[in-house]
Structure formats: C-alpha cells, structure tokens
Protein backbone atom coordinates (compact mmCIF):
# COMPACT_ATOMS: atom_id res chain seq x y z
CA UNK A 1 -19.81 183.01 31.10
CA UNK A 2 -20.53 182.25 27.43
CA UNK A 3 -17.18 183.71 26.51
CA UNK A 4 -15.40 181.27 28.86
CA UNK A 5 -17.40 178.33 27.52
CA UNK A 6 -16.61 179.33 23.96
CA UNK A 7 -12.90 179.73 24.75
CA UNK A 8 -12.91 176.37 26.53
CA UNK A 9 -14.62 174.71 23.56
CA UNK A 10 -12.12 176.24 21.13
CA UNK A 11 -9.19 175.09 23.28
CA UNK A 12 -10.65 171.58 23.45
CA UNK A 13 -11.25 171.39 19.71
CA UNK A 14 -7.79 172.67 18.88
CA UNK A 15 -6.21 170.11 21.20
CA UNK A 16 -8.12 167.34 19.43
CA UNK A 17 -7.26 168.50 15.94
CA UNK A 18 -4.92 166.41 13.84
CA UNK A 19 -1.35 167.69 13.76
CA UNK A 20 -0.16 167.78 10.16
CA UNK A 21 3.37 169.10 10.52
CA UNK A 22 6.50 168.30 12.50
CA UNK A 23 7.88 165.05 13.86
CA UNK A 24 5.72 162.63 15.83
CA UNK A 25 6.50 160.88 19.07
CA UNK A 26 8.24 157.55 18.45
CA UNK A 27 7.44 154.49 20.53
CA UNK A 28 11.05 153.37 20.84
CA UNK A 29 11.67 149.63 20.68
CA UNK A 30 8.08 149.14 19.37
CA UNK A 31 7.64 151.22 16.19
CA UNK A 32 9.11 149.61 13.07
CA UNK A 33 11.13 151.13 10.25
CA UNK A 34 9.04 151.53 7.12
CA UNK A 35 11.83 150.23 4.89
CA UNK A 36 13.50 147.35 6.76
CA UNK A 37 10.83 146.59 9.41
CA UNK A 38 13.38 146.60 12.26
CA UNK A 39 12.19 148.33 15.43
CA UNK A 40 13.49 151.81 16.08
CA UNK A 41 15.83 151.82 19.06
CA UNK A 42 18.62 154.23 18.08
CA UNK A 43 17.45 157.58 19.42
CA UNK A 44 20.36 159.43 17.78
CA UNK A 45 20.11 158.34 14.12
CA UNK A 46 16.41 157.80 13.33
CA UNK A 47 14.40 159.67 10.73
CA UNK A 48 10.79 160.49 9.89
CA UNK A 49 9.14 161.42 6.62
CA UNK A 50 5.79 163.22 6.53
CA UNK A 51 3.86 162.78 3.28
CA UNK A 52 3.16 166.23 1.85
CA UNK A 53 -0.17 165.20 0.33
CA UNK A 54 -1.87 163.54 3.31
CA UNK A 55 0.43 164.26 6.32
CA UNK A 56 0.98 160.56 7.06
CA UNK A 57 4.26 159.95 8.92
CA UNK A 58 6.67 157.12 8.14
CA UNK A 59 9.45 156.14 10.55
CA UNK A 60 12.98 154.98 9.73
CA UNK A 61 15.89 153.74 11.78
CA UNK A 62 18.48 155.57 9.63
CA UNK A 63 18.41 158.65 7.38
CA UNK A 64 19.82 156.49 4.57
CA UNK A 65 16.80 154.20 4.60
CA UNK A 66 14.45 157.20 4.64
CA UNK A 67 16.13 158.83 1.63
CA UNK A 68 16.18 155.62 -0.43
CA UNK A 69 12.57 154.78 0.45
CA UNK A 70 11.43 158.30 -0.42
CA UNK A 71 13.21 158.33 -3.79
CA UNK A 72 10.41 156.62 -5.72
CA UNK A 73 7.45 158.36 -4.08
CA UNK A 74 5.52 160.68 -6.40
CA UNK A 75 5.04 163.11 -3.50
CA UNK A 76 8.74 163.25 -2.50
CA UNK A 77 9.18 166.78 -3.87
CA UNK A 78 5.81 168.06 -2.66
CA UNK A 79 6.38 171.39 -0.85
CA UNK A 80 4.71 170.05 2.31
CA UNK A 81 6.76 166.84 2.48
CA UNK A 82 8.89 166.97 5.63
CA UNK A 83 11.95 164.95 6.60
CA UNK A 84 13.11 164.89 10.20
CA UNK A 85 16.26 163.36 11.65
CA UNK A 86 17.67 163.05 15.16
CA UNK A 87 20.62 165.18 16.22
CA UNK A 88 23.39 162.60 16.61
CA UNK A 89 24.33 163.69 20.15
CA UNK A 90 21.14 165.10 21.67
CA UNK A 91 18.39 163.15 19.91
CA UNK A 92 16.45 166.36 19.23
CA UNK A 93 14.49 166.22 15.97
CA UNK A 94 15.94 168.45 13.23
CA UNK A 95 14.64 169.41 9.81
CA UNK A 96 16.74 167.06 7.68
CA UNK A 97 17.01 169.58 4.85
CA UNK A 98 18.53 172.19 7.18
CA UNK A 99 20.82 169.82 9.10
CA UNK A 100 24.44 169.13 8.30
CA UNK A 101 25.82 165.60 8.30
CA UNK A 102 29.03 164.11 9.53
CA UNK A 103 30.22 160.70 8.40
CA UNK A 104 31.83 157.96 10.46
CA UNK A 105 28.86 157.38 12.75
CA UNK A 106 27.71 153.92 13.85
CA UNK A 107 24.16 153.91 12.45
CA UNK A 108 21.55 151.12 12.30
CA UNK A 109 21.76 150.61 8.53
CA UNK A 110 25.46 151.50 8.27
CA UNK A 111 25.01 154.60 6.14
CA UNK A 112 27.17 156.26 8.78
CA UNK A 113 25.71 159.78 8.78
CA UNK A 114 24.98 161.75 11.92
CA UNK A 115 22.91 164.92 11.72
CA UNK A 116 23.47 168.14 13.61
CA UNK A 117 22.42 171.76 13.37
CA UNK A 118 25.85 173.18 14.16
CA UNK A 119 28.11 173.76 11.12
CA UNK A 120 31.46 171.98 11.22
CA UNK A 121 34.35 171.64 8.79
CA UNK A 122 33.90 168.68 6.46
CA UNK A 123 30.17 168.29 7.11
CA UNK A 124 27.79 167.52 4.25
CA UNK A 125 24.73 169.61 3.51
CA UNK A 126 21.44 167.81 2.82
CA UNK A 127 21.97 167.44 -0.95
CA UNK A 128 25.51 166.16 -0.43
CA UNK A 129 24.20 163.70 2.18
CA UNK A 130 21.56 162.43 -0.27
CA UNK A 131 24.25 161.87 -2.90
CA UNK A 132 26.46 160.17 -0.29
CA UNK A 133 23.58 157.80 0.55
CA UNK A 134 22.90 156.97 -3.12
CA UNK A 135 26.62 156.37 -3.75
CA UNK A 136 26.92 154.15 -0.71
CA UNK A 137 23.83 152.15 -1.65
CA UNK A 138 25.09 151.71 -5.21
CA UNK A 139 28.52 150.65 -4.01
CA UNK A 140 27.22 148.01 -1.64
CA UNK A 141 23.92 147.40 -3.51
CA UNK A 142 22.12 146.66 -0.27
CA UNK A 143 21.28 148.02 3.15
CA UNK A 144 21.12 146.38 6.54
CA UNK A 145 23.34 144.10 8.56
CA UNK A 146 25.17 142.71 5.50
CA UNK A 147 26.19 146.25 4.59
CA UNK A 148 27.64 146.70 8.08
CA UNK A 149 29.79 143.60 7.58
CA UNK A 150 31.00 144.83 4.20
CA UNK A 151 31.84 148.26 5.60
CA UNK A 152 33.83 146.67 8.42
CA UNK A 153 35.65 144.42 5.93
CA UNK A 154 36.54 147.46 3.81
CA UNK A 155 38.35 149.05 6.79
CA UNK A 156 40.51 145.97 7.48
C-alpha cells in the first residue's frame, strides 16, 4: 500500500514540476509576439525562444523577429537556449537549429522563411537563414507591415 502511495505521490509531483525544455502551448489569437506585440495567429510560421539561463519562453509571430530579438541577449549562445519554429505545412514545432528553411513564404513579418525538417534543394540551413534574416532586415531597415509593402513593391 505504501509503495502505491509513494508512486502516486511521485507521479503527482512530477506532473506539477516546471517544464524547462521544449516548446510551450501557444494561446493562438491571444498570446502576443515579444518583439512586435501583434497576437500570434499564424500557426505555420511562429517561433519560440527559451532562455537558457532561466527557461523563460518568449513567443514570436515569425522566425525573423525571433532571431533579431535574440541577437542582443547575453544568453543567446547559452547551451540551454532553445529556438523552436513551426513546420510551414504541418504546424509541428521543430528545433529551429535543425530545421531547413525555404524562402518565398507569406509570413507575418515578411521575412518569408518557412521551416521544415525534410531536406530540399535550395533550402537554407539555420546559419544561412540567420544571415538571410539579418540581410533582409538591413536592406529594408524595418520589420512589420511596412516591410511587406516594400517587398511587394520590389516584385512589381
């Protein structure tokens, strides 16, 4: 009997313990992007960053915003810092550093990258995607709806 009580107590305590790894559940159309403060509604291009020093999770509506926001954090390169991104067709959370990225996507902040786990010709690895984001931000010098307009103008 004691054994069952002890096992039950351990199961209860483990279920109440704080999770300090992996993506968190997003409250779509309610949670706001850490960088631009828009609500997250695109379930195929969102991102999450987990602080490696305290496990706090920050949500983003686009991998571009997450990368730019993270760039000045002193814990960005901490070994426990995690970056998660949605698969652009399934919405499943992927480790952003292991994903590959295809351009030409319609994303909330117009960085245009879609993540997937499946390799494909012409896809960018994580480091190439980071450089792509920095280059795009430098070129347009802003993110958000104005960037979308400028990108559309560039194609006309």
